[in-house]
Amino acid sequence: MDIEEQIEAIGAIFRCGRSSAESLSRVLIPQLLGAKEIIAHQGEPSQYCWLVIDGAIRIETFGLEGQRQQLAQHGPGEFFGAYPAPTVHRAEIGTLAESTLLRAEATKIAELVAADAEIGAGMARLLARQLDRALDRMVARTTYSAAGRVYAELLALADGRERIAPPPRVTTLALSANTTRETASRAIAALIRRGIISRDEGQLVIHAPRMLHELVC
């Protein structure tokens, strides 16, 4: 990613003018990470925050007995990490796929948010949108069936598109939907059998989005 691409991406995420985007670009450092890389471990000091430009990030916590629980997943245009001050990582952060990120010190981003009205407004919109998505996930976990949660995760990953590339792993879907791998596998198999979706090594295609929406219950 060259500097012009970086400024353009920042401007799009924060919906700010070039001057504000350039200010942010001076504190945001590009990072290119491979699939399944660990960015931070649960319990470590946390002084950085990140913007996702491309790829997928998974946030997981570990219980007292070592059980994994996915808390969140972040994609392009989303923000995660310490903000507005350093703290401690509450969960493990890792990549699901090859990812391009922009990393900054939490305090430097907070200073820009306080000093620049456009950046402040952009951050408020960004965090409000992510809160809305988090609430959607909470509703799904408390009101949907296990299969319904898997289908809701598929729709969230598709984000209005008919293709998800690369295709999500069944284990990842299960963790996101707070269910077992076996349940998620049966739910996906049922969709394939009915022709609602198809998948290969490169992508998952949703052939009948309306039918998939109707199964989220």
N, C-alpha and C. Protein backbone atom coordinates (compact mmCIF):
# COMPACT_ATOMS: atom_id res chain seq x y z
N MET A 1 0.84 -1.19 0.00
CA MET A 1 0.00 0.00 0.00
C MET A 1 0.88 1.25 0.00
N ASP A 2 0.74 2.09 -1.03
CA ASP A 2 1.52 3.32 -1.06
C ASP A 2 0.78 4.40 -0.27
N ILE A 3 1.42 5.54 -0.10
CA ILE A 3 0.88 6.58 0.77
C ILE A 3 -0.45 7.12 0.24
N GLU A 4 -0.59 7.24 -1.09
CA GLU A 4 -1.85 7.74 -1.65
C GLU A 4 -2.99 6.78 -1.39
N GLU A 5 -2.74 5.49 -1.53
CA GLU A 5 -3.76 4.49 -1.24
C GLU A 5 -4.14 4.52 0.24
N GLN A 6 -3.13 4.72 1.08
CA GLN A 6 -3.38 4.78 2.52
C GLN A 6 -4.26 5.98 2.86
N ILE A 7 -3.95 7.14 2.32
CA ILE A 7 -4.74 8.35 2.60
C ILE A 7 -6.17 8.19 2.09
N GLU A 8 -6.31 7.60 0.90
CA GLU A 8 -7.64 7.38 0.34
C GLU A 8 -8.47 6.44 1.22
N ALA A 9 -7.84 5.37 1.70
CA ALA A 9 -8.55 4.41 2.55
C ALA A 9 -8.97 5.05 3.87
N ILE A 10 -8.07 5.83 4.47
CA ILE A 10 -8.39 6.49 5.73
C ILE A 10 -9.53 7.48 5.55
N GLY A 11 -9.48 8.25 4.47
CA GLY A 11 -10.55 9.20 4.19
C GLY A 11 -11.90 8.53 4.03
N ALA A 12 -11.90 7.35 3.38
CA ALA A 12 -13.15 6.62 3.19
C ALA A 12 -13.69 6.08 4.51
N ILE A 13 -12.81 5.56 5.35
CA ILE A 13 -13.24 4.97 6.63
C ILE A 13 -13.77 6.06 7.58
N PHE A 14 -13.07 7.18 7.66
CA PHE A 14 -13.46 8.24 8.59
C PHE A 14 -14.39 9.27 7.95
N ARG A 15 -14.59 9.17 6.64
CA ARG A 15 -15.42 10.12 5.90
C ARG A 15 -14.94 11.55 6.16
N CYS A 16 -13.63 11.72 6.05
CA CYS A 16 -13.03 13.03 6.32
C CYS A 16 -12.30 13.54 5.09
N GLY A 17 -11.94 14.83 5.11
CA GLY A 17 -11.21 15.44 4.02
C GLY A 17 -9.76 15.02 3.97
N ARG A 18 -9.08 15.44 2.91
CA ARG A 18 -7.69 15.01 2.71
C ARG A 18 -6.78 15.47 3.84
N SER A 19 -6.96 16.70 4.32
CA SER A 19 -6.08 17.20 5.37
C SER A 19 -6.16 16.33 6.62
N SER A 20 -7.38 15.97 7.02
CA SER A 20 -7.55 15.12 8.20
C SER A 20 -7.00 13.72 7.95
N ALA A 21 -7.23 13.21 6.74
CA ALA A 21 -6.72 11.88 6.40
C ALA A 21 -5.20 11.86 6.41
N GLU A 22 -4.57 12.94 5.96
CA GLU A 22 -3.11 13.01 5.98
C GLU A 22 -2.60 13.04 7.42
N SER A 23 -3.32 13.74 8.31
CA SER A 23 -2.91 13.76 9.73
C SER A 23 -2.95 12.36 10.32
N LEU A 24 -3.99 11.62 10.01
CA LEU A 24 -4.09 10.24 10.49
C LEU A 24 -3.02 9.35 9.89
N SER A 25 -2.71 9.57 8.62
CA SER A 25 -1.73 8.71 7.95
C SER A 25 -0.34 8.84 8.56
N ARG A 26 -0.09 9.98 9.22
CA ARG A 26 1.23 10.18 9.83
C ARG A 26 1.43 9.35 11.10
N VAL A 27 0.33 8.88 11.69
CA VAL A 27 0.46 8.06 12.90
C VAL A 27 0.06 6.60 12.67
N LEU A 28 -0.54 6.30 11.52
CA LEU A 28 -0.97 4.94 11.20
C LEU A 28 0.09 4.24 10.35
N ILE A 29 0.58 3.12 10.83
CA ILE A 29 1.65 2.38 10.15
C ILE A 29 1.07 1.12 9.49
N PRO A 30 1.30 0.93 8.19
CA PRO A 30 0.76 -0.26 7.52
C PRO A 30 1.38 -1.56 8.04
N GLN A 31 0.57 -2.59 8.14
CA GLN A 31 1.01 -3.93 8.51
C GLN A 31 0.37 -4.93 7.56
N LEU A 32 1.17 -5.81 6.98
CA LEU A 32 0.66 -6.90 6.16
C LEU A 32 0.91 -8.20 6.90
N LEU A 33 -0.16 -8.92 7.21
CA LEU A 33 -0.06 -10.15 7.99
C LEU A 33 -0.63 -11.33 7.21
N GLY A 34 -0.03 -12.49 7.41
CA GLY A 34 -0.53 -13.69 6.78
C GLY A 34 -1.71 -14.27 7.54
N ALA A 35 -2.31 -15.32 6.97
CA ALA A 35 -3.45 -15.97 7.63
C ALA A 35 -3.00 -16.66 8.91
N LYS A 36 -3.85 -16.65 9.91
CA LYS A 36 -3.65 -17.34 11.19
C LYS A 36 -2.44 -16.82 11.97
N GLU A 37 -2.12 -15.56 11.81
CA GLU A 37 -1.07 -14.95 12.63
C GLU A 37 -1.68 -14.35 13.89
N ILE A 38 -0.97 -14.44 14.99
CA ILE A 38 -1.42 -13.86 16.25
C ILE A 38 -0.91 -12.42 16.35
N ILE A 39 -1.82 -11.51 16.56
CA ILE A 39 -1.48 -10.09 16.69
C ILE A 39 -1.21 -9.74 18.15
N ALA A 40 -2.02 -10.29 19.05
CA ALA A 40 -1.85 -10.00 20.48
C ALA A 40 -2.43 -11.15 21.29
N HIS A 41 -1.84 -11.39 22.46
CA HIS A 41 -2.30 -12.46 23.35
C HIS A 41 -3.13 -11.89 24.49
N GLN A 42 -4.10 -12.67 24.92
CA GLN A 42 -4.94 -12.30 26.06
C GLN A 42 -4.06 -12.07 27.28
N GLY A 43 -4.29 -10.93 27.97
CA GLY A 43 -3.55 -10.60 29.17
C GLY A 43 -2.31 -9.76 28.96
N GLU A 44 -1.91 -9.56 27.69
CA GLU A 44 -0.73 -8.73 27.41
C GLU A 44 -1.07 -7.25 27.51
N PRO A 45 -0.07 -6.40 27.80
CA PRO A 45 -0.30 -4.95 27.74
C PRO A 45 -0.73 -4.54 26.34
N SER A 46 -1.66 -3.60 26.26
CA SER A 46 -2.22 -3.17 24.98
C SER A 46 -2.08 -1.66 24.84
N GLN A 47 -1.25 -1.24 23.89
CA GLN A 47 -1.07 0.20 23.67
C GLN A 47 -1.39 0.62 22.24
N TYR A 48 -1.73 -0.36 21.39
CA TYR A 48 -1.99 -0.06 19.98
C TYR A 48 -3.46 -0.28 19.61
N CYS A 49 -3.88 0.41 18.56
CA CYS A 49 -5.17 0.16 17.94
C CYS A 49 -4.94 -0.01 16.45
N TRP A 50 -5.90 -0.65 15.77
CA TRP A 50 -5.74 -0.99 14.37
C TRP A 50 -6.99 -0.65 13.57
N LEU A 51 -6.78 -0.32 12.31
CA LEU A 51 -7.84 -0.22 11.31
C LEU A 51 -7.65 -1.36 10.32
N VAL A 52 -8.72 -2.05 9.97
CA VAL A 52 -8.64 -3.13 8.99
C VAL A 52 -8.88 -2.54 7.60
N ILE A 53 -7.90 -2.70 6.72
CA ILE A 53 -8.05 -2.25 5.34
C ILE A 53 -8.53 -3.40 4.46
N ASP A 54 -7.99 -4.59 4.72
CA ASP A 54 -8.39 -5.77 3.96
C ASP A 54 -8.15 -7.00 4.83
N GLY A 55 -8.98 -8.04 4.64
CA GLY A 55 -8.79 -9.27 5.39
C GLY A 55 -9.84 -9.47 6.46
N ALA A 56 -9.53 -10.30 7.45
CA ALA A 56 -10.47 -10.61 8.53
C ALA A 56 -9.71 -10.88 9.81
N ILE A 57 -10.21 -10.31 10.92
CA ILE A 57 -9.58 -10.43 12.22
C ILE A 57 -10.54 -11.11 13.19
N ARG A 58 -10.02 -12.03 13.98
CA ARG A 58 -10.85 -12.75 14.95
C ARG A 58 -10.41 -12.40 16.37
N ILE A 59 -11.38 -12.13 17.24
CA ILE A 59 -11.13 -11.83 18.65
C ILE A 59 -11.68 -13.01 19.46
N GLU A 60 -10.81 -13.71 20.19
CA GLU A 60 -11.22 -14.89 20.96
C GLU A 60 -10.75 -14.77 22.40
N THR A 61 -11.56 -15.28 23.31
CA THR A 61 -11.16 -15.34 24.71
C THR A 61 -11.05 -16.79 25.15
N PHE A 62 -10.28 -17.03 26.19
CA PHE A 62 -10.08 -18.37 26.71
C PHE A 62 -10.59 -18.44 28.14
N GLY A 63 -11.43 -19.43 28.42
CA GLY A 63 -11.96 -19.61 29.76
C GLY A 63 -10.95 -20.25 30.70
N LEU A 64 -11.38 -20.46 31.95
CA LEU A 64 -10.49 -21.03 32.95
C LEU A 64 -10.05 -22.44 32.60
N GLU A 65 -10.89 -23.16 31.86
CA GLU A 65 -10.57 -24.53 31.48
C GLU A 65 -10.02 -24.61 30.05
N GLY A 66 -9.67 -23.48 29.48
CA GLY A 66 -9.04 -23.46 28.17
C GLY A 66 -10.00 -23.43 27.00
N GLN A 67 -11.31 -23.35 27.25
CA GLN A 67 -12.26 -23.35 26.15
C GLN A 67 -12.22 -22.01 25.40
N ARG A 68 -12.33 -22.08 24.07
CA ARG A 68 -12.30 -20.88 23.24
C ARG A 68 -13.72 -20.33 23.06
N GLN A 69 -13.83 -19.02 22.99
CA GLN A 69 -15.10 -18.37 22.70
C GLN A 69 -14.82 -17.15 21.84
N GLN A 70 -15.36 -17.15 20.62
CA GLN A 70 -15.16 -15.99 19.75
C GLN A 70 -16.05 -14.85 20.22
N LEU A 71 -15.44 -13.69 20.45
CA LEU A 71 -16.17 -12.51 20.88
C LEU A 71 -16.59 -11.63 19.72
N ALA A 72 -15.73 -11.54 18.72
CA ALA A 72 -16.01 -10.64 17.60
C ALA A 72 -15.16 -11.01 16.40
N GLN A 73 -15.55 -10.49 15.27
CA GLN A 73 -14.77 -10.63 14.05
C GLN A 73 -14.82 -9.28 13.33
N HIS A 74 -13.67 -8.83 12.88
CA HIS A 74 -13.59 -7.52 12.24
C HIS A 74 -13.13 -7.66 10.79
N GLY A 75 -13.75 -6.85 9.92
CA GLY A 75 -13.40 -6.85 8.52
C GLY A 75 -13.01 -5.46 8.05
N PRO A 76 -12.90 -5.26 6.73
CA PRO A 76 -12.47 -3.97 6.18
C PRO A 76 -13.31 -2.80 6.69
N GLY A 77 -12.60 -1.74 7.07
CA GLY A 77 -13.27 -0.54 7.55
C GLY A 77 -13.56 -0.53 9.03
N GLU A 78 -13.12 -1.57 9.78
CA GLU A 78 -13.42 -1.63 11.20
C GLU A 78 -12.17 -1.35 12.05
N PHE A 79 -12.43 -1.06 13.31
CA PHE A 79 -11.42 -0.58 14.25
C PHE A 79 -11.40 -1.50 15.46
N PHE A 80 -10.20 -1.81 15.98
CA PHE A 80 -10.12 -2.61 17.20
C PHE A 80 -8.82 -2.27 17.93
N GLY A 81 -8.73 -2.72 19.18
CA GLY A 81 -7.53 -2.48 19.98
C GLY A 81 -7.76 -1.48 21.08
N ALA A 82 -6.67 -1.01 21.68
CA ALA A 82 -6.74 -0.07 22.80
C ALA A 82 -7.19 1.31 22.31
N TYR A 83 -8.10 1.92 23.07
CA TYR A 83 -8.56 3.29 22.76
C TYR A 83 -9.45 3.76 23.90
N PRO A 84 -9.27 4.96 24.42
CA PRO A 84 -8.34 6.01 24.00
C PRO A 84 -6.99 5.97 24.70
N ALA A 85 -6.82 4.99 25.61
CA ALA A 85 -5.58 4.90 26.39
C ALA A 85 -5.11 3.46 26.42
N PRO A 86 -3.83 3.23 26.73
CA PRO A 86 -3.34 1.86 26.84
C PRO A 86 -4.12 1.08 27.90
N THR A 87 -4.23 -0.22 27.70
CA THR A 87 -4.95 -1.07 28.64
C THR A 87 -4.33 -2.47 28.59
N VAL A 88 -5.11 -3.50 28.85
CA VAL A 88 -4.66 -4.89 28.77
C VAL A 88 -5.58 -5.62 27.80
N HIS A 89 -5.01 -6.44 26.92
CA HIS A 89 -5.83 -7.19 25.97
C HIS A 89 -6.74 -8.16 26.71
N ARG A 90 -8.04 -8.04 26.50
CA ARG A 90 -9.01 -8.92 27.15
C ARG A 90 -9.15 -10.25 26.42
N ALA A 91 -8.60 -10.34 25.23
CA ALA A 91 -8.76 -11.54 24.41
C ALA A 91 -7.58 -11.68 23.46
N GLU A 92 -7.49 -12.85 22.83
CA GLU A 92 -6.46 -13.05 21.81
C GLU A 92 -6.96 -12.49 20.49
N ILE A 93 -6.07 -11.85 19.76
CA ILE A 93 -6.41 -11.26 18.47
C ILE A 93 -5.56 -11.92 17.40
N GLY A 94 -6.20 -12.43 16.35
CA GLY A 94 -5.45 -13.09 15.29
C GLY A 94 -6.14 -12.89 13.95
N THR A 95 -5.42 -13.21 12.89
CA THR A 95 -5.97 -13.07 11.54
C THR A 95 -6.64 -14.36 11.10
N LEU A 96 -7.75 -14.23 10.39
CA LEU A 96 -8.40 -15.38 9.77
C LEU A 96 -7.86 -15.60 8.37
N ALA A 97 -7.52 -14.51 7.70
CA ALA A 97 -7.01 -14.55 6.34
C ALA A 97 -5.89 -13.51 6.22
N GLU A 98 -5.18 -13.53 5.12
CA GLU A 98 -4.15 -12.50 4.90
C GLU A 98 -4.80 -11.13 5.03
N SER A 99 -4.19 -10.26 5.82
CA SER A 99 -4.84 -9.00 6.18
C SER A 99 -3.89 -7.82 6.06
N THR A 100 -4.44 -6.70 5.64
CA THR A 100 -3.72 -5.44 5.61
C THR A 100 -4.33 -4.54 6.68
N LEU A 101 -3.49 -4.08 7.61
CA LEU A 101 -3.95 -3.26 8.73
C LEU A 101 -3.18 -1.96 8.78
N LEU A 102 -3.74 -0.99 9.48
CA LEU A 102 -3.03 0.24 9.82
C LEU A 102 -3.00 0.32 11.34
N ARG A 103 -1.79 0.41 11.91
CA ARG A 103 -1.63 0.38 13.37
C ARG A 103 -1.15 1.73 13.89
N ALA A 104 -1.69 2.12 15.04
CA ALA A 104 -1.26 3.38 15.66
C ALA A 104 -1.25 3.22 17.17
N GLU A 105 -0.50 4.09 17.85
CA GLU A 105 -0.55 4.13 19.31
C GLU A 105 -1.89 4.75 19.73
N ALA A 106 -2.51 4.14 20.71
CA ALA A 106 -3.84 4.60 21.14
C ALA A 106 -3.85 6.07 21.51
N THR A 107 -2.83 6.52 22.22
CA THR A 107 -2.81 7.91 22.68
C THR A 107 -2.70 8.90 21.52
N LYS A 108 -1.96 8.50 20.46
CA LYS A 108 -1.81 9.41 19.32
C LYS A 108 -3.13 9.56 18.55
N ILE A 109 -3.86 8.44 18.39
CA ILE A 109 -5.17 8.52 17.74
C ILE A 109 -6.11 9.38 18.59
N ALA A 110 -6.08 9.18 19.90
CA ALA A 110 -6.96 9.94 20.80
C ALA A 110 -6.67 11.44 20.72
N GLU A 111 -5.42 11.81 20.59
CA GLU A 111 -5.04 13.22 20.46
C GLU A 111 -5.62 13.83 19.19
N LEU A 112 -5.57 13.08 18.09
CA LEU A 112 -6.12 13.58 16.83
C LEU A 112 -7.64 13.69 16.89
N VAL A 113 -8.28 12.71 17.53
CA VAL A 113 -9.74 12.76 17.69
C VAL A 113 -10.15 14.00 18.48
N ALA A 114 -9.39 14.33 19.51
CA ALA A 114 -9.70 15.50 20.33
C ALA A 114 -9.43 16.82 19.61
N ALA A 115 -8.46 16.82 18.71
CA ALA A 115 -8.03 18.07 18.08
C ALA A 115 -8.71 18.37 16.76
N ASP A 116 -9.21 17.35 16.07
CA ASP A 116 -9.76 17.52 14.72
C ASP A 116 -11.22 17.09 14.71
N ALA A 117 -12.13 18.02 14.44
CA ALA A 117 -13.56 17.73 14.49
C ALA A 117 -13.96 16.66 13.46
N GLU A 118 -13.36 16.68 12.29
CA GLU A 118 -13.70 15.69 11.26
C GLU A 118 -13.29 14.28 11.70
N ILE A 119 -12.10 14.18 12.26
CA ILE A 119 -11.63 12.88 12.74
C ILE A 119 -12.49 12.41 13.91
N GLY A 120 -12.85 13.34 14.81
CA GLY A 120 -13.70 12.99 15.94
C GLY A 120 -15.06 12.48 15.50
N ALA A 121 -15.66 13.16 14.52
CA ALA A 121 -16.96 12.73 14.01
C ALA A 121 -16.83 11.37 13.32
N GLY A 122 -15.73 11.19 12.59
CA GLY A 122 -15.51 9.91 11.91
C GLY A 122 -15.36 8.77 12.88
N MET A 123 -14.62 8.99 13.97
CA MET A 123 -14.45 7.95 14.97
C MET A 123 -15.77 7.62 15.65
N ALA A 124 -16.58 8.64 15.91
CA ALA A 124 -17.88 8.41 16.54
C ALA A 124 -18.77 7.54 15.64
N ARG A 125 -18.79 7.83 14.34
CA ARG A 125 -19.58 7.01 13.41
C ARG A 125 -19.05 5.58 13.36
N LEU A 126 -17.74 5.46 13.32
CA LEU A 126 -17.10 4.14 13.23
C LEU A 126 -17.46 3.28 14.44
N LEU A 127 -17.33 3.83 15.64
CA LEU A 127 -17.61 3.07 16.85
C LEU A 127 -19.11 2.80 17.01
N ALA A 128 -19.95 3.74 16.60
CA ALA A 128 -21.39 3.53 16.68
C ALA A 128 -21.82 2.38 15.76
N ARG A 129 -21.25 2.33 14.57
CA ARG A 129 -21.58 1.25 13.63
C ARG A 129 -21.15 -0.11 14.19
N GLN A 130 -19.98 -0.15 14.81
CA GLN A 130 -19.51 -1.42 15.38
C GLN A 130 -20.33 -1.83 16.59
N LEU A 131 -20.79 -0.86 17.38
CA LEU A 131 -21.67 -1.19 18.51
C LEU A 131 -22.96 -1.80 18.01
N ASP A 132 -23.50 -1.24 16.94
CA ASP A 132 -24.75 -1.77 16.36
C ASP A 132 -24.56 -3.22 15.92
N ARG A 133 -23.42 -3.51 15.30
CA ARG A 133 -23.14 -4.88 14.87
C ARG A 133 -22.99 -5.81 16.07
N ALA A 134 -22.35 -5.32 17.13
CA ALA A 134 -22.18 -6.13 18.33
C ALA A 134 -23.53 -6.45 18.97
N LEU A 135 -24.44 -5.49 18.97
CA LEU A 135 -25.78 -5.73 19.51
C LEU A 135 -26.53 -6.75 18.67
N ASP A 136 -26.36 -6.68 17.34
CA ASP A 136 -26.98 -7.68 16.46
C ASP A 136 -26.49 -9.08 16.83
N ARG A 137 -25.20 -9.20 17.10
CA ARG A 137 -24.64 -10.51 17.46
C ARG A 137 -25.21 -11.00 18.79
N MET A 138 -25.37 -10.09 19.75
CA MET A 138 -25.93 -10.47 21.04
C MET A 138 -27.37 -10.95 20.90
N VAL A 139 -28.15 -10.26 20.07
CA VAL A 139 -29.54 -10.67 19.84
C VAL A 139 -29.58 -12.06 19.22
N ALA A 140 -28.70 -12.28 18.24
CA ALA A 140 -28.67 -13.58 17.57
C ALA A 140 -28.36 -14.70 18.55
N ARG A 141 -27.43 -14.46 19.45
CA ARG A 141 -27.02 -15.51 20.39
C ARG A 141 -28.10 -15.84 21.41
N THR A 142 -28.95 -14.88 21.71
CA THR A 142 -29.96 -15.10 22.75
C THR A 142 -31.32 -15.50 22.20
N THR A 143 -31.59 -15.26 20.91
CA THR A 143 -32.93 -15.53 20.38
C THR A 143 -32.96 -16.54 19.24
N TYR A 144 -31.86 -16.75 18.52
CA TYR A 144 -31.87 -17.66 17.38
C TYR A 144 -31.50 -19.07 17.80
N SER A 145 -31.93 -20.05 17.01
CA SER A 145 -31.46 -21.42 17.17
C SER A 145 -30.00 -21.50 16.78
N ALA A 146 -29.36 -22.65 17.09
CA ALA A 146 -27.94 -22.80 16.74
C ALA A 146 -27.74 -22.69 15.23
N ALA A 147 -28.59 -23.38 14.45
CA ALA A 147 -28.47 -23.29 12.98
C ALA A 147 -28.76 -21.87 12.51
N GLY A 148 -29.76 -21.23 13.13
CA GLY A 148 -30.09 -19.86 12.75
C GLY A 148 -28.92 -18.91 12.98
N ARG A 149 -28.16 -19.14 14.06
CA ARG A 149 -26.99 -18.30 14.32
C ARG A 149 -25.92 -18.52 13.26
N VAL A 150 -25.76 -19.76 12.81
CA VAL A 150 -24.79 -20.04 11.73
C VAL A 150 -25.20 -19.31 10.46
N TYR A 151 -26.49 -19.35 10.13
CA TYR A 151 -26.96 -18.67 8.93
C TYR A 151 -26.81 -17.15 9.05
N ALA A 152 -27.04 -16.63 10.26
CA ALA A 152 -26.86 -15.19 10.48
C ALA A 152 -25.40 -14.79 10.29
N GLU A 153 -24.48 -15.65 10.73
CA GLU A 153 -23.05 -15.37 10.54
C GLU A 153 -22.69 -15.35 9.06
N LEU A 154 -23.26 -16.27 8.29
CA LEU A 154 -23.01 -16.29 6.84
C LEU A 154 -23.46 -14.99 6.20
N LEU A 155 -24.66 -14.55 6.57
CA LEU A 155 -25.18 -13.30 6.00
C LEU A 155 -24.32 -12.11 6.41
N ALA A 156 -23.84 -12.13 7.64
CA ALA A 156 -22.98 -11.04 8.10
C ALA A 156 -21.66 -11.02 7.33
N LEU A 157 -21.10 -12.19 7.08
CA LEU A 157 -19.85 -12.27 6.31
C LEU A 157 -20.06 -11.81 4.87
N ALA A 158 -21.23 -12.17 4.30
CA ALA A 158 -21.51 -11.78 2.92
C ALA A 158 -21.71 -10.28 2.81
N ASP A 159 -22.31 -9.67 3.84
CA ASP A 159 -22.50 -8.21 3.88
C ASP A 159 -23.17 -7.69 2.60
N GLY A 160 -24.25 -8.37 2.20
CA GLY A 160 -25.01 -7.93 1.03
C GLY A 160 -24.51 -8.48 -0.29
N ARG A 161 -23.39 -9.18 -0.28
CA ARG A 161 -22.86 -9.75 -1.51
C ARG A 161 -23.31 -11.20 -1.65
N GLU A 162 -23.15 -11.76 -2.83
CA GLU A 162 -23.54 -13.15 -3.07
C GLU A 162 -22.36 -14.11 -2.94
N ARG A 163 -21.15 -13.57 -2.80
CA ARG A 163 -19.97 -14.42 -2.70
C ARG A 163 -19.14 -14.06 -1.48
N ILE A 164 -18.60 -15.10 -0.82
CA ILE A 164 -17.67 -14.91 0.28
C ILE A 164 -16.38 -15.61 -0.12
N ALA A 165 -15.31 -14.84 -0.28
CA ALA A 165 -14.02 -15.41 -0.70
C ALA A 165 -12.90 -14.85 0.18
N PRO A 166 -12.07 -15.75 0.72
CA PRO A 166 -12.18 -17.21 0.69
C PRO A 166 -13.38 -17.68 1.50
N PRO A 167 -13.85 -18.91 1.30
CA PRO A 167 -15.02 -19.39 2.04
C PRO A 167 -14.69 -19.54 3.52
N PRO A 168 -15.64 -19.26 4.40
CA PRO A 168 -15.37 -19.39 5.84
C PRO A 168 -15.20 -20.84 6.24
N ARG A 169 -14.32 -21.08 7.19
CA ARG A 169 -14.15 -22.42 7.73
C ARG A 169 -15.31 -22.75 8.66
N VAL A 170 -15.70 -24.02 8.67
CA VAL A 170 -16.80 -24.45 9.52
C VAL A 170 -16.48 -24.18 10.99
N THR A 171 -15.24 -24.43 11.39
CA THR A 171 -14.85 -24.19 12.78
C THR A 171 -15.02 -22.72 13.14
N THR A 172 -14.65 -21.83 12.23
CA THR A 172 -14.79 -20.40 12.47
C THR A 172 -16.25 -20.01 12.60
N LEU A 173 -17.10 -20.55 11.72
CA LEU A 173 -18.53 -20.26 11.80
C LEU A 173 -19.11 -20.74 13.12
N ALA A 174 -18.67 -21.92 13.56
CA ALA A 174 -19.17 -22.48 14.81
C ALA A 174 -18.79 -21.58 15.99
N LEU A 175 -17.55 -21.13 16.02
CA LEU A 175 -17.11 -20.25 17.11
C LEU A 175 -17.89 -18.93 17.08
N SER A 176 -18.07 -18.38 15.88
CA SER A 176 -18.79 -17.11 15.75
C SER A 176 -20.24 -17.25 16.19
N ALA A 177 -20.84 -18.41 15.91
CA ALA A 177 -22.25 -18.64 16.23
C ALA A 177 -22.45 -19.24 17.61
N ASN A 178 -21.36 -19.43 18.35
CA ASN A 178 -21.44 -19.98 19.70
C ASN A 178 -22.12 -21.35 19.69
N THR A 179 -21.66 -22.23 18.80
CA THR A 179 -22.21 -23.57 18.71
C THR A 179 -21.08 -24.55 18.42
N THR A 180 -21.41 -25.83 18.27
CA THR A 180 -20.39 -26.83 18.01
C THR A 180 -20.06 -26.92 16.52
N ARG A 181 -18.89 -27.46 16.23
CA ARG A 181 -18.50 -27.64 14.84
C ARG A 181 -19.47 -28.58 14.13
N GLU A 182 -19.92 -29.62 14.82
CA GLU A 182 -20.84 -30.59 14.21
C GLU A 182 -22.16 -29.93 13.82
N THR A 183 -22.67 -29.06 14.69
CA THR A 183 -23.92 -28.35 14.39
C THR A 183 -23.75 -27.43 13.20
N ALA A 184 -22.65 -26.69 13.18
CA ALA A 184 -22.39 -25.79 12.06
C ALA A 184 -22.23 -26.57 10.75
N SER A 185 -21.54 -27.71 10.82
CA SER A 185 -21.34 -28.53 9.62
C SER A 185 -22.67 -29.03 9.08
N ARG A 186 -23.57 -29.49 9.97
CA ARG A 186 -24.89 -29.96 9.52
C ARG A 186 -25.71 -28.82 8.92
N ALA A 187 -25.60 -27.62 9.52
CA ALA A 187 -26.35 -26.47 9.01
C ALA A 187 -25.89 -26.09 7.60
N ILE A 188 -24.57 -26.09 7.38
CA ILE A 188 -24.04 -25.77 6.05
C ILE A 188 -24.40 -26.86 5.05
N ALA A 189 -24.32 -28.12 5.47
CA ALA A 189 -24.67 -29.22 4.58
C ALA A 189 -26.12 -29.13 4.13
N ALA A 190 -27.00 -28.72 5.04
CA ALA A 190 -28.41 -28.57 4.69
C ALA A 190 -28.61 -27.49 3.63
N LEU A 191 -27.86 -26.39 3.75
CA LEU A 191 -27.96 -25.33 2.75
C LEU A 191 -27.48 -25.80 1.38
N ILE A 192 -26.39 -26.53 1.36
CA ILE A 192 -25.84 -27.04 0.10
C ILE A 192 -26.82 -28.03 -0.52
N ARG A 193 -27.39 -28.91 0.29
CA ARG A 193 -28.33 -29.92 -0.20
C ARG A 193 -29.55 -29.28 -0.84
N ARG A 194 -30.00 -28.15 -0.29
CA ARG A 194 -31.19 -27.47 -0.81
C ARG A 194 -30.86 -26.49 -1.93
N GLY A 195 -29.57 -26.36 -2.27
CA GLY A 195 -29.17 -25.48 -3.36
C GLY A 195 -29.16 -24.01 -2.99
N ILE A 196 -29.25 -23.71 -1.69
CA ILE A 196 -29.25 -22.32 -1.26
C ILE A 196 -27.85 -21.72 -1.37
N ILE A 197 -26.84 -22.54 -1.11
CA ILE A 197 -25.45 -22.11 -1.28
C ILE A 197 -24.67 -23.21 -1.98
N SER A 198 -23.50 -22.85 -2.48
CA SER A 198 -22.51 -23.82 -2.95
C SER A 198 -21.15 -23.31 -2.51
N ARG A 199 -20.19 -24.21 -2.40
CA ARG A 199 -18.86 -23.77 -2.00
C ARG A 199 -17.81 -24.65 -2.62
N ASP A 200 -16.64 -24.06 -2.86
CA ASP A 200 -15.47 -24.80 -3.29
C ASP A 200 -14.27 -24.23 -2.54
N GLU A 201 -13.08 -24.55 -2.95
CA GLU A 201 -11.89 -24.08 -2.23
C GLU A 201 -11.72 -22.57 -2.30
N GLY A 202 -12.28 -21.94 -3.36
CA GLY A 202 -12.04 -20.51 -3.54
C GLY A 202 -13.11 -19.59 -3.01
N GLN A 203 -14.36 -20.08 -2.90
CA GLN A 203 -15.44 -19.18 -2.52
C GLN A 203 -16.68 -19.94 -2.07
N LEU A 204 -17.54 -19.21 -1.38
CA LEU A 204 -18.88 -19.70 -1.04
C LEU A 204 -19.86 -18.78 -1.75
N VAL A 205 -20.81 -19.34 -2.48
CA VAL A 205 -21.78 -18.56 -3.25
C VAL A 205 -23.17 -18.74 -2.66
N ILE A 206 -23.85 -17.64 -2.40
CA ILE A 206 -25.23 -17.67 -1.91
C ILE A 206 -26.15 -17.52 -3.12
N HIS A 207 -26.84 -18.59 -3.48
CA HIS A 207 -27.72 -18.58 -4.65
C HIS A 207 -29.11 -18.06 -4.34
N ALA A 208 -29.53 -18.21 -3.09
CA ALA A 208 -30.90 -17.79 -2.72
C ALA A 208 -30.84 -16.99 -1.41
N PRO A 209 -30.44 -15.72 -1.48
CA PRO A 209 -30.32 -14.91 -0.26
C PRO A 209 -31.62 -14.81 0.53
N ARG A 210 -32.76 -14.68 -0.16
CA ARG A 210 -34.04 -14.55 0.53
C ARG A 210 -34.34 -15.79 1.36
N MET A 211 -34.09 -16.97 0.78
CA MET A 211 -34.33 -18.21 1.51
C MET A 211 -33.40 -18.32 2.73
N LEU A 212 -32.16 -17.87 2.56
CA LEU A 212 -31.22 -17.91 3.68
C LEU A 212 -31.70 -16.99 4.80
N HIS A 213 -32.18 -15.79 4.44
CA HIS A 213 -32.71 -14.87 5.44
C HIS A 213 -33.88 -15.51 6.20
N GLU A 214 -34.73 -16.23 5.50
CA GLU A 214 -35.91 -16.83 6.13
C GLU A 214 -35.54 -17.94 7.12
N LEU A 215 -34.34 -18.52 6.95
CA LEU A 215 -33.90 -19.59 7.86
C LEU A 215 -33.27 -19.06 9.14
N VAL A 216 -33.04 -17.77 9.21
CA VAL A 216 -32.45 -17.17 10.41
C VAL A 216 -33.55 -17.02 11.45
N CYS A 217 -33.64 -17.99 12.34
CA CYS A 217 -34.71 -17.96 13.35
C CYS A 217 -34.27 -18.78 14.57
